[in-house]
Amino acid sequence: METDLSLTIPHKSKVLITAPSGWGKSTFLQLLLGKLKPDSGKILIDSENITNNWETAHNYFSYVTQSPFIFDDTLEFNITLGKKYPSKKLNAVIEKAGLKELVDEKGLTYSVGEKGKNLSGGQIQRIEIARTLLSDRPIMLADEATSALDQKLSEKIHSIILDNPRLTVIEVAHKISTKEKEKFDKVLKLDELAKQK
């Protein structure tokens, strides 16, 4: 089913987009990222047209997925992706992302193994969150970011993401608890919006 969709998302708001599988949630994020071009319409940020422009969109968006890519390298490399950051900033992000206990126990030189085999799923997801926080981009896109985690850990990850007052957050999810939904400023159901057309 095709339908027109017009959304205005205020700066620093937290928006959840839900729908059954196959309703284009991930496609919506790919459109925002400039990796896909809409058949019609525009994507604007502060009146700047970023439609189908990945280079421009990349400056605005960080992207959290349910299956982060992990390098067979150190914990520090996986957090920073090889970039240099001041120790104060790196330590602050490690704290915010809930990685301090892991870093204190193993150290930043800890080898995470191929595909992060020496880490838990929650630790891998926190590394992804740390990457987005280090990037300092104003909008975080999250694609089924906690779908592979248990309920308790999912709530912890959402608290890290949604309690950041500086971030605009746009998350798409298929299944998410009522308690987590309540943390968002707005919940949009794509299938219900389509029925209204």
N, C-alpha and C. Protein backbone atom coordinates (compact mmCIF):
# COMPACT_ATOMS: atom_id res chain seq x y z
N MET A 1 0.83 -1.19 0.00
CA MET A 1 0.00 0.00 0.00
C MET A 1 0.87 1.25 0.00
N GLU A 2 0.55 2.21 -0.82
CA GLU A 2 1.28 3.46 -0.87
C GLU A 2 0.42 4.56 -0.27
N THR A 3 1.05 5.47 0.41
CA THR A 3 0.32 6.59 0.98
C THR A 3 1.24 7.77 1.14
N ASP A 4 0.67 8.95 1.06
CA ASP A 4 1.45 10.15 1.31
C ASP A 4 1.69 10.26 2.81
N LEU A 5 2.84 10.81 3.18
CA LEU A 5 3.17 10.96 4.59
C LEU A 5 3.84 12.31 4.78
N SER A 6 3.28 13.11 5.66
CA SER A 6 3.86 14.41 5.95
C SER A 6 4.07 14.52 7.45
N LEU A 7 5.33 14.71 7.86
CA LEU A 7 5.67 14.77 9.28
C LEU A 7 6.51 16.00 9.57
N THR A 8 6.26 16.61 10.70
CA THR A 8 7.13 17.67 11.22
C THR A 8 7.59 17.21 12.60
N ILE A 9 8.90 17.06 12.77
CA ILE A 9 9.46 16.58 14.03
C ILE A 9 10.26 17.70 14.68
N PRO A 10 9.79 18.20 15.82
CA PRO A 10 10.48 19.31 16.48
C PRO A 10 11.88 18.94 16.96
N HIS A 11 12.75 19.93 17.00
CA HIS A 11 14.12 19.77 17.48
C HIS A 11 14.11 19.24 18.91
N LYS A 12 14.96 18.26 19.20
CA LYS A 12 15.16 17.65 20.51
C LYS A 12 13.99 16.79 20.98
N SER A 13 13.01 16.53 20.11
CA SER A 13 11.91 15.66 20.50
C SER A 13 12.29 14.19 20.33
N LYS A 14 11.53 13.33 20.96
CA LYS A 14 11.76 11.88 20.90
C LYS A 14 10.52 11.24 20.27
N VAL A 15 10.68 10.69 19.07
CA VAL A 15 9.56 10.18 18.30
C VAL A 15 9.75 8.70 18.00
N LEU A 16 8.73 7.91 18.28
CA LEU A 16 8.73 6.49 17.98
C LEU A 16 7.77 6.23 16.82
N ILE A 17 8.25 5.49 15.82
CA ILE A 17 7.41 5.12 14.68
C ILE A 17 7.26 3.60 14.70
N THR A 18 6.01 3.14 14.79
CA THR A 18 5.74 1.71 14.85
C THR A 18 4.86 1.29 13.67
N ALA A 19 4.93 0.03 13.35
CA ALA A 19 4.09 -0.58 12.32
C ALA A 19 4.46 -2.05 12.23
N PRO A 20 3.56 -2.87 11.69
CA PRO A 20 3.91 -4.28 11.49
C PRO A 20 5.06 -4.40 10.49
N SER A 21 5.68 -5.57 10.42
CA SER A 21 6.75 -5.81 9.44
C SER A 21 6.24 -5.55 8.03
N GLY A 22 7.12 -4.97 7.21
CA GLY A 22 6.77 -4.74 5.81
C GLY A 22 6.08 -3.42 5.52
N TRP A 23 5.95 -2.56 6.53
CA TRP A 23 5.27 -1.29 6.32
C TRP A 23 6.24 -0.14 6.02
N GLY A 24 7.51 -0.42 5.83
CA GLY A 24 8.43 0.62 5.36
C GLY A 24 9.10 1.44 6.42
N LYS A 25 9.19 0.91 7.64
CA LYS A 25 9.83 1.68 8.72
C LYS A 25 11.30 1.93 8.41
N SER A 26 12.01 0.88 8.03
CA SER A 26 13.43 1.03 7.71
C SER A 26 13.63 1.85 6.44
N THR A 27 12.71 1.71 5.48
CA THR A 27 12.77 2.52 4.26
C THR A 27 12.67 4.00 4.60
N PHE A 28 11.81 4.32 5.57
CA PHE A 28 11.66 5.70 6.02
C PHE A 28 12.99 6.27 6.51
N LEU A 29 13.73 5.48 7.29
CA LEU A 29 15.03 5.94 7.79
C LEU A 29 16.03 6.08 6.64
N GLN A 30 15.99 5.18 5.68
CA GLN A 30 16.90 5.26 4.54
C GLN A 30 16.61 6.52 3.70
N LEU A 31 15.36 6.92 3.64
CA LEU A 31 14.99 8.17 2.96
C LEU A 31 15.60 9.37 3.70
N LEU A 32 15.49 9.36 5.03
CA LEU A 32 16.05 10.45 5.82
C LEU A 32 17.56 10.54 5.64
N LEU A 33 18.21 9.38 5.57
CA LEU A 33 19.67 9.32 5.43
C LEU A 33 20.14 9.71 4.03
N GLY A 34 19.20 9.86 3.11
CA GLY A 34 19.58 10.23 1.75
C GLY A 34 20.04 9.07 0.90
N LYS A 35 19.83 7.85 1.40
CA LYS A 35 20.26 6.67 0.65
C LYS A 35 19.20 6.23 -0.36
N LEU A 36 17.98 6.69 -0.16
CA LEU A 36 16.89 6.45 -1.10
C LEU A 36 16.25 7.78 -1.48
N LYS A 37 15.69 7.84 -2.65
CA LYS A 37 15.03 9.05 -3.12
C LYS A 37 13.52 8.84 -3.14
N PRO A 38 12.76 9.74 -2.51
CA PRO A 38 11.30 9.58 -2.53
C PRO A 38 10.75 9.82 -3.93
N ASP A 39 9.62 9.18 -4.24
CA ASP A 39 8.98 9.38 -5.53
C ASP A 39 8.53 10.83 -5.70
N SER A 40 8.16 11.44 -4.58
CA SER A 40 7.76 12.85 -4.60
C SER A 40 7.99 13.42 -3.20
N GLY A 41 7.98 14.73 -3.10
CA GLY A 41 8.15 15.37 -1.81
C GLY A 41 9.60 15.66 -1.46
N LYS A 42 9.79 16.28 -0.30
CA LYS A 42 11.13 16.69 0.13
C LYS A 42 11.35 16.35 1.59
N ILE A 43 12.61 16.25 1.95
CA ILE A 43 13.01 16.08 3.34
C ILE A 43 13.82 17.32 3.72
N LEU A 44 13.31 18.06 4.69
CA LEU A 44 13.93 19.32 5.07
C LEU A 44 14.38 19.28 6.52
N ILE A 45 15.56 19.84 6.79
CA ILE A 45 16.03 20.06 8.15
C ILE A 45 16.36 21.54 8.27
N ASP A 46 15.64 22.23 9.15
CA ASP A 46 15.82 23.69 9.29
C ASP A 46 15.77 24.37 7.92
N SER A 47 14.81 23.97 7.12
CA SER A 47 14.57 24.53 5.78
C SER A 47 15.60 24.12 4.73
N GLU A 48 16.62 23.34 5.12
CA GLU A 48 17.61 22.87 4.16
C GLU A 48 17.13 21.56 3.54
N ASN A 49 17.11 21.52 2.21
CA ASN A 49 16.65 20.33 1.50
C ASN A 49 17.78 19.28 1.48
N ILE A 50 17.55 18.16 2.15
CA ILE A 50 18.57 17.10 2.19
C ILE A 50 18.11 15.87 1.40
N THR A 51 17.06 16.00 0.63
CA THR A 51 16.49 14.87 -0.10
C THR A 51 17.54 14.19 -0.99
N ASN A 52 17.70 12.87 -0.78
CA ASN A 52 18.61 12.06 -1.59
C ASN A 52 20.05 12.60 -1.60
N ASN A 53 20.46 13.20 -0.47
CA ASN A 53 21.81 13.78 -0.38
C ASN A 53 22.49 13.19 0.86
N TRP A 54 23.14 12.03 0.68
CA TRP A 54 23.74 11.35 1.81
C TRP A 54 24.83 12.19 2.47
N GLU A 55 25.63 12.87 1.69
CA GLU A 55 26.75 13.65 2.27
C GLU A 55 26.25 14.72 3.22
N THR A 56 25.17 15.41 2.84
CA THR A 56 24.60 16.44 3.72
C THR A 56 23.89 15.80 4.90
N ALA A 57 23.08 14.78 4.63
CA ALA A 57 22.32 14.12 5.69
C ALA A 57 23.25 13.52 6.74
N HIS A 58 24.39 13.02 6.30
CA HIS A 58 25.36 12.38 7.20
C HIS A 58 25.83 13.33 8.30
N ASN A 59 25.82 14.62 8.02
CA ASN A 59 26.24 15.61 9.01
C ASN A 59 25.21 15.79 10.12
N TYR A 60 23.97 15.40 9.84
CA TYR A 60 22.89 15.57 10.81
C TYR A 60 22.60 14.32 11.63
N PHE A 61 22.76 13.15 11.00
CA PHE A 61 22.26 11.92 11.59
C PHE A 61 23.35 10.98 12.09
N SER A 62 23.11 10.40 13.26
CA SER A 62 23.82 9.19 13.67
C SER A 62 22.80 8.06 13.56
N TYR A 63 23.29 6.83 13.45
CA TYR A 63 22.40 5.72 13.10
C TYR A 63 22.71 4.51 13.97
N VAL A 64 21.70 4.05 14.70
CA VAL A 64 21.84 2.90 15.59
C VAL A 64 21.03 1.75 15.02
N THR A 65 21.67 0.60 14.83
CA THR A 65 20.97 -0.56 14.29
C THR A 65 20.90 -1.67 15.33
N GLN A 66 20.12 -2.71 15.03
CA GLN A 66 20.02 -3.83 15.96
C GLN A 66 21.23 -4.76 15.87
N SER A 67 22.02 -4.64 14.79
CA SER A 67 23.20 -5.50 14.60
C SER A 67 24.43 -4.65 14.27
N PRO A 68 24.99 -3.95 15.27
CA PRO A 68 26.15 -3.09 15.02
C PRO A 68 27.34 -3.88 14.48
N PHE A 69 28.13 -3.24 13.63
CA PHE A 69 29.34 -3.89 13.12
C PHE A 69 30.45 -3.73 14.16
N ILE A 70 31.04 -4.84 14.55
CA ILE A 70 32.11 -4.83 15.54
C ILE A 70 33.40 -5.32 14.90
N PHE A 71 34.47 -4.56 15.08
CA PHE A 71 35.77 -4.92 14.53
C PHE A 71 36.52 -5.86 15.47
N ASP A 72 37.32 -6.74 14.90
CA ASP A 72 38.17 -7.63 15.68
C ASP A 72 39.38 -6.81 16.14
N ASP A 73 39.14 -5.98 17.15
CA ASP A 73 40.14 -5.01 17.60
C ASP A 73 39.88 -4.71 19.07
N THR A 74 40.45 -3.63 19.54
CA THR A 74 40.30 -3.27 20.95
C THR A 74 38.94 -2.63 21.22
N LEU A 75 38.60 -2.60 22.48
CA LEU A 75 37.38 -1.93 22.92
C LEU A 75 37.41 -0.45 22.54
N GLU A 76 38.58 0.18 22.74
CA GLU A 76 38.70 1.59 22.41
C GLU A 76 38.48 1.84 20.92
N PHE A 77 39.08 1.02 20.07
CA PHE A 77 38.92 1.20 18.63
C PHE A 77 37.46 1.07 18.23
N ASN A 78 36.76 0.12 18.82
CA ASN A 78 35.36 -0.08 18.47
C ASN A 78 34.46 1.07 18.94
N ILE A 79 34.85 1.72 20.01
CA ILE A 79 34.08 2.88 20.47
C ILE A 79 34.38 4.10 19.61
N THR A 80 35.65 4.33 19.34
CA THR A 80 36.07 5.56 18.65
C THR A 80 36.17 5.40 17.14
N LEU A 81 36.16 4.15 16.66
CA LEU A 81 36.36 3.85 15.24
C LEU A 81 37.68 4.42 14.73
N GLY A 82 38.66 4.42 15.62
CA GLY A 82 40.01 4.84 15.24
C GLY A 82 40.26 6.34 15.29
N LYS A 83 39.23 7.12 15.63
CA LYS A 83 39.41 8.58 15.71
C LYS A 83 39.94 8.96 17.09
N LYS A 84 40.61 10.09 17.15
CA LYS A 84 41.18 10.56 18.41
C LYS A 84 40.22 11.54 19.09
N TYR A 85 39.95 11.31 20.34
CA TYR A 85 39.09 12.19 21.13
C TYR A 85 39.80 12.55 22.43
N PRO A 86 39.54 13.73 22.98
CA PRO A 86 40.10 14.06 24.29
C PRO A 86 39.63 13.05 25.34
N SER A 87 40.51 12.70 26.25
CA SER A 87 40.18 11.70 27.27
C SER A 87 38.92 12.05 28.05
N LYS A 88 38.76 13.35 28.33
CA LYS A 88 37.59 13.80 29.11
C LYS A 88 36.29 13.47 28.37
N LYS A 89 36.28 13.74 27.06
CA LYS A 89 35.08 13.48 26.27
C LYS A 89 34.83 11.98 26.15
N LEU A 90 35.88 11.22 25.89
CA LEU A 90 35.74 9.78 25.74
C LEU A 90 35.22 9.15 27.03
N ASN A 91 35.78 9.55 28.16
CA ASN A 91 35.34 9.00 29.44
C ASN A 91 33.90 9.37 29.76
N ALA A 92 33.51 10.59 29.40
CA ALA A 92 32.12 11.03 29.64
C ALA A 92 31.14 10.19 28.82
N VAL A 93 31.50 9.90 27.58
CA VAL A 93 30.63 9.09 26.71
C VAL A 93 30.58 7.65 27.20
N ILE A 94 31.70 7.12 27.63
CA ILE A 94 31.73 5.76 28.19
C ILE A 94 30.79 5.65 29.38
N GLU A 95 30.80 6.68 30.21
CA GLU A 95 29.91 6.74 31.38
C GLU A 95 28.44 6.79 30.94
N LYS A 96 28.13 7.70 30.00
CA LYS A 96 26.75 7.88 29.54
C LYS A 96 26.20 6.64 28.86
N ALA A 97 27.06 5.95 28.12
CA ALA A 97 26.61 4.77 27.37
C ALA A 97 26.56 3.51 28.23
N GLY A 98 26.90 3.62 29.49
CA GLY A 98 26.82 2.47 30.38
C GLY A 98 27.94 1.47 30.18
N LEU A 99 29.10 1.96 29.73
CA LEU A 99 30.25 1.08 29.47
C LEU A 99 31.34 1.17 30.54
N LYS A 100 31.12 2.00 31.54
CA LYS A 100 32.18 2.25 32.53
C LYS A 100 32.59 0.96 33.26
N GLU A 101 31.63 0.15 33.62
CA GLU A 101 31.94 -1.09 34.35
C GLU A 101 32.81 -2.01 33.50
N LEU A 102 32.48 -2.12 32.21
CA LEU A 102 33.25 -2.97 31.31
C LEU A 102 34.67 -2.43 31.14
N VAL A 103 34.78 -1.11 30.95
CA VAL A 103 36.10 -0.49 30.75
C VAL A 103 36.94 -0.60 32.02
N ASP A 104 36.31 -0.39 33.18
CA ASP A 104 37.03 -0.50 34.45
C ASP A 104 37.55 -1.93 34.66
N GLU A 105 36.75 -2.91 34.24
CA GLU A 105 37.12 -4.31 34.46
C GLU A 105 38.15 -4.81 33.44
N LYS A 106 37.95 -4.48 32.17
CA LYS A 106 38.77 -5.04 31.10
C LYS A 106 39.82 -4.07 30.55
N GLY A 107 39.55 -2.77 30.63
CA GLY A 107 40.47 -1.78 30.06
C GLY A 107 40.14 -1.50 28.59
N LEU A 108 40.54 -0.35 28.11
CA LEU A 108 40.25 0.04 26.73
C LEU A 108 41.03 -0.77 25.71
N THR A 109 42.12 -1.44 26.15
CA THR A 109 42.91 -2.25 25.21
C THR A 109 42.38 -3.68 25.09
N TYR A 110 41.28 -3.96 25.75
CA TYR A 110 40.68 -5.30 25.72
C TYR A 110 40.29 -5.68 24.30
N SER A 111 40.69 -6.88 23.87
CA SER A 111 40.34 -7.36 22.53
C SER A 111 38.93 -7.95 22.55
N VAL A 112 38.05 -7.40 21.73
CA VAL A 112 36.64 -7.83 21.77
C VAL A 112 36.39 -9.09 20.95
N GLY A 113 37.36 -9.48 20.10
CA GLY A 113 37.22 -10.69 19.30
C GLY A 113 36.43 -10.46 18.02
N GLU A 114 36.48 -11.46 17.16
CA GLU A 114 35.78 -11.37 15.88
C GLU A 114 34.26 -11.26 16.12
N LYS A 115 33.67 -10.25 15.49
CA LYS A 115 32.24 -9.96 15.62
C LYS A 115 31.83 -9.71 17.08
N GLY A 116 32.81 -9.31 17.90
CA GLY A 116 32.52 -9.02 19.31
C GLY A 116 32.19 -10.23 20.13
N LYS A 117 32.83 -11.38 19.81
CA LYS A 117 32.49 -12.63 20.49
C LYS A 117 32.81 -12.60 21.98
N ASN A 118 33.68 -11.68 22.41
CA ASN A 118 34.02 -11.58 23.84
C ASN A 118 33.11 -10.60 24.59
N LEU A 119 32.06 -10.13 23.91
CA LEU A 119 31.13 -9.17 24.51
C LEU A 119 29.73 -9.74 24.52
N SER A 120 28.90 -9.21 25.40
CA SER A 120 27.48 -9.59 25.40
C SER A 120 26.73 -8.71 24.39
N GLY A 121 25.51 -9.11 24.08
CA GLY A 121 24.69 -8.32 23.16
C GLY A 121 24.45 -6.91 23.68
N GLY A 122 24.24 -6.80 24.98
CA GLY A 122 24.03 -5.48 25.57
C GLY A 122 25.26 -4.59 25.49
N GLN A 123 26.43 -5.19 25.70
CA GLN A 123 27.68 -4.42 25.59
C GLN A 123 27.91 -3.93 24.17
N ILE A 124 27.61 -4.79 23.19
CA ILE A 124 27.75 -4.39 21.79
C ILE A 124 26.81 -3.23 21.48
N GLN A 125 25.58 -3.30 21.99
CA GLN A 125 24.62 -2.23 21.73
C GLN A 125 25.08 -0.93 22.40
N ARG A 126 25.68 -1.03 23.56
CA ARG A 126 26.17 0.17 24.25
C ARG A 126 27.35 0.80 23.48
N ILE A 127 28.17 -0.04 22.85
CA ILE A 127 29.25 0.48 22.01
C ILE A 127 28.66 1.30 20.87
N GLU A 128 27.59 0.79 20.27
CA GLU A 128 26.92 1.53 19.20
C GLU A 128 26.38 2.87 19.70
N ILE A 129 25.82 2.87 20.89
CA ILE A 129 25.32 4.12 21.48
C ILE A 129 26.48 5.08 21.72
N ALA A 130 27.59 4.56 22.24
CA ALA A 130 28.76 5.41 22.49
C ALA A 130 29.26 6.05 21.20
N ARG A 131 29.27 5.29 20.12
CA ARG A 131 29.69 5.85 18.82
C ARG A 131 28.82 7.03 18.42
N THR A 132 27.51 6.87 18.59
CA THR A 132 26.61 7.96 18.19
C THR A 132 26.80 9.19 19.07
N LEU A 133 27.04 8.97 20.35
CA LEU A 133 27.25 10.11 21.25
C LEU A 133 28.55 10.83 20.92
N LEU A 134 29.58 10.08 20.57
CA LEU A 134 30.86 10.70 20.19
C LEU A 134 30.74 11.52 18.90
N SER A 135 29.85 11.09 18.02
CA SER A 135 29.73 11.77 16.73
C SER A 135 29.17 13.19 16.87
N ASP A 136 28.44 13.45 17.97
CA ASP A 136 27.88 14.78 18.24
C ASP A 136 26.91 15.26 17.15
N ARG A 137 26.29 14.34 16.45
CA ARG A 137 25.29 14.75 15.46
C ARG A 137 23.97 14.98 16.18
N PRO A 138 23.18 15.94 15.73
CA PRO A 138 22.00 16.35 16.51
C PRO A 138 20.82 15.40 16.47
N ILE A 139 20.78 14.48 15.47
CA ILE A 139 19.61 13.60 15.32
C ILE A 139 20.07 12.14 15.33
N MET A 140 19.48 11.37 16.22
CA MET A 140 19.78 9.94 16.28
C MET A 140 18.63 9.17 15.64
N LEU A 141 18.97 8.34 14.64
CA LEU A 141 18.01 7.43 14.05
C LEU A 141 18.27 6.04 14.62
N ALA A 142 17.23 5.38 15.07
CA ALA A 142 17.39 4.05 15.67
C ALA A 142 16.47 3.07 14.96
N ASP A 143 17.05 2.03 14.38
CA ASP A 143 16.30 1.05 13.61
C ASP A 143 16.25 -0.27 14.38
N GLU A 144 15.09 -0.53 15.04
CA GLU A 144 14.92 -1.75 15.83
C GLU A 144 16.12 -1.94 16.78
N ALA A 145 16.53 -0.83 17.39
CA ALA A 145 17.81 -0.79 18.10
C ALA A 145 17.91 -1.78 19.27
N THR A 146 16.80 -2.13 19.88
CA THR A 146 16.87 -3.01 21.06
C THR A 146 16.06 -4.29 20.87
N SER A 147 15.70 -4.59 19.64
CA SER A 147 14.81 -5.75 19.40
C SER A 147 15.46 -7.09 19.77
N ALA A 148 16.80 -7.14 19.76
CA ALA A 148 17.48 -8.40 20.07
C ALA A 148 17.81 -8.52 21.56
N LEU A 149 17.42 -7.54 22.36
CA LEU A 149 17.78 -7.53 23.78
C LEU A 149 16.59 -7.92 24.64
N ASP A 150 16.87 -8.38 25.88
CA ASP A 150 15.76 -8.68 26.78
C ASP A 150 15.14 -7.38 27.27
N GLN A 151 13.96 -7.50 27.89
CA GLN A 151 13.17 -6.32 28.25
C GLN A 151 13.92 -5.36 29.18
N LYS A 152 14.57 -5.90 30.19
CA LYS A 152 15.27 -5.07 31.17
C LYS A 152 16.39 -4.28 30.51
N LEU A 153 17.16 -4.94 29.66
CA LEU A 153 18.28 -4.27 28.99
C LEU A 153 17.77 -3.27 27.96
N SER A 154 16.68 -3.62 27.29
CA SER A 154 16.08 -2.70 26.32
C SER A 154 15.68 -1.40 27.01
N GLU A 155 15.10 -1.51 28.19
CA GLU A 155 14.70 -0.31 28.94
C GLU A 155 15.91 0.53 29.33
N LYS A 156 17.01 -0.14 29.71
CA LYS A 156 18.23 0.60 30.07
C LYS A 156 18.78 1.35 28.87
N ILE A 157 18.83 0.70 27.70
CA ILE A 157 19.34 1.34 26.49
C ILE A 157 18.46 2.52 26.12
N HIS A 158 17.14 2.34 26.23
CA HIS A 158 16.24 3.44 25.90
C HIS A 158 16.41 4.62 26.86
N SER A 159 16.69 4.32 28.11
CA SER A 159 16.93 5.42 29.06
C SER A 159 18.15 6.23 28.66
N ILE A 160 19.21 5.55 28.20
CA ILE A 160 20.42 6.25 27.75
C ILE A 160 20.10 7.16 26.57
N ILE A 161 19.36 6.62 25.61
CA ILE A 161 19.04 7.37 24.39
C ILE A 161 18.08 8.53 24.68
N LEU A 162 17.01 8.23 25.40
CA LEU A 162 15.90 9.19 25.51
C LEU A 162 16.09 10.22 26.61
N ASP A 163 17.00 9.97 27.54
CA ASP A 163 17.23 10.94 28.61
C ASP A 163 18.26 12.00 28.22
N ASN A 164 18.77 11.92 26.98
CA ASN A 164 19.73 12.93 26.51
C ASN A 164 18.96 14.14 25.99
N PRO A 165 19.00 15.27 26.70
CA PRO A 165 18.18 16.43 26.31
C PRO A 165 18.64 17.12 25.03
N ARG A 166 19.85 16.82 24.57
CA ARG A 166 20.38 17.50 23.39
C ARG A 166 19.98 16.82 22.09
N LEU A 167 19.54 15.56 22.18
CA LEU A 167 19.30 14.76 20.98
C LEU A 167 17.86 14.82 20.51
N THR A 168 17.69 14.89 19.20
CA THR A 168 16.42 14.53 18.58
C THR A 168 16.53 13.04 18.27
N VAL A 169 15.53 12.27 18.65
CA VAL A 169 15.55 10.83 18.44
C VAL A 169 14.36 10.41 17.59
N ILE A 170 14.64 9.67 16.51
CA ILE A 170 13.59 9.07 15.69
C ILE A 170 13.88 7.58 15.66
N GLU A 171 13.01 6.80 16.31
CA GLU A 171 13.21 5.36 16.36
C GLU A 171 12.08 4.64 15.64
N VAL A 172 12.42 3.61 14.89
CA VAL A 172 11.39 2.74 14.31
C VAL A 172 11.50 1.38 14.98
N ALA A 173 10.34 0.80 15.28
CA ALA A 173 10.33 -0.48 15.99
C ALA A 173 9.06 -1.25 15.66
N HIS A 174 9.19 -2.56 15.66
CA HIS A 174 8.06 -3.45 15.41
C HIS A 174 7.37 -3.80 16.72
N LYS A 175 8.19 -4.17 17.72
CA LYS A 175 7.65 -4.49 19.03
C LYS A 175 8.39 -3.68 20.09
N ILE A 176 7.64 -3.06 20.97
CA ILE A 176 8.25 -2.28 22.04
C ILE A 176 7.24 -2.19 23.19
N SER A 177 7.71 -2.24 24.42
CA SER A 177 6.81 -2.31 25.57
C SER A 177 6.09 -0.98 25.80
N THR A 178 4.97 -1.08 26.49
CA THR A 178 4.20 0.12 26.84
C THR A 178 5.03 1.06 27.70
N LYS A 179 5.80 0.49 28.63
CA LYS A 179 6.65 1.31 29.50
C LYS A 179 7.65 2.12 28.71
N GLU A 180 8.24 1.50 27.66
CA GLU A 180 9.21 2.21 26.84
C GLU A 180 8.52 3.26 25.95
N LYS A 181 7.35 2.93 25.44
CA LYS A 181 6.60 3.89 24.62
C LYS A 181 6.33 5.18 25.37
N GLU A 182 6.09 5.05 26.66
CA GLU A 182 5.77 6.22 27.48
C GLU A 182 6.93 7.20 27.61
N LYS A 183 8.14 6.75 27.29
CA LYS A 183 9.31 7.62 27.37
C LYS A 183 9.39 8.59 26.18
N PHE A 184 8.67 8.28 25.10
CA PHE A 184 8.72 9.11 23.90
C PHE A 184 7.73 10.27 23.99
N ASP A 185 8.06 11.37 23.32
CA ASP A 185 7.15 12.51 23.25
C ASP A 185 5.95 12.20 22.35
N LYS A 186 6.20 11.38 21.33
CA LYS A 186 5.15 11.07 20.36
C LYS A 186 5.35 9.66 19.82
N VAL A 187 4.24 8.93 19.62
CA VAL A 187 4.27 7.61 19.00
C VAL A 187 3.39 7.67 17.75
N LEU A 188 3.99 7.38 16.60
CA LEU A 188 3.27 7.39 15.32
C LEU A 188 3.13 5.97 14.81
N LYS A 189 1.92 5.58 14.46
CA LYS A 189 1.67 4.24 13.93
C LYS A 189 1.44 4.35 12.42
N LEU A 190 2.42 3.88 11.64
CA LEU A 190 2.34 4.04 10.19
C LEU A 190 1.10 3.38 9.60
N ASP A 191 0.74 2.19 10.10
CA ASP A 191 -0.42 1.50 9.55
C ASP A 191 -1.71 2.26 9.81
N GLU A 192 -1.81 2.93 10.97
CA GLU A 192 -3.01 3.71 11.27
C GLU A 192 -3.04 5.00 10.46
N LEU A 193 -1.86 5.62 10.26
CA LEU A 193 -1.81 6.83 9.41
C LEU A 193 -2.25 6.51 7.99
N ALA A 194 -1.88 5.32 7.51
CA ALA A 194 -2.24 4.92 6.15
C ALA A 194 -3.75 4.74 6.03
N LYS A 195 -4.38 4.19 7.06
CA LYS A 195 -5.83 3.97 7.03
C LYS A 195 -6.61 5.27 6.99
N GLN A 196 -5.99 6.36 7.49
CA GLN A 196 -6.67 7.64 7.53
C GLN A 196 -6.68 8.33 6.18
N LYS A 197 -5.86 7.83 5.21
CA LYS A 197 -5.77 8.46 3.90
C LYS A 197 -6.96 8.09 3.03
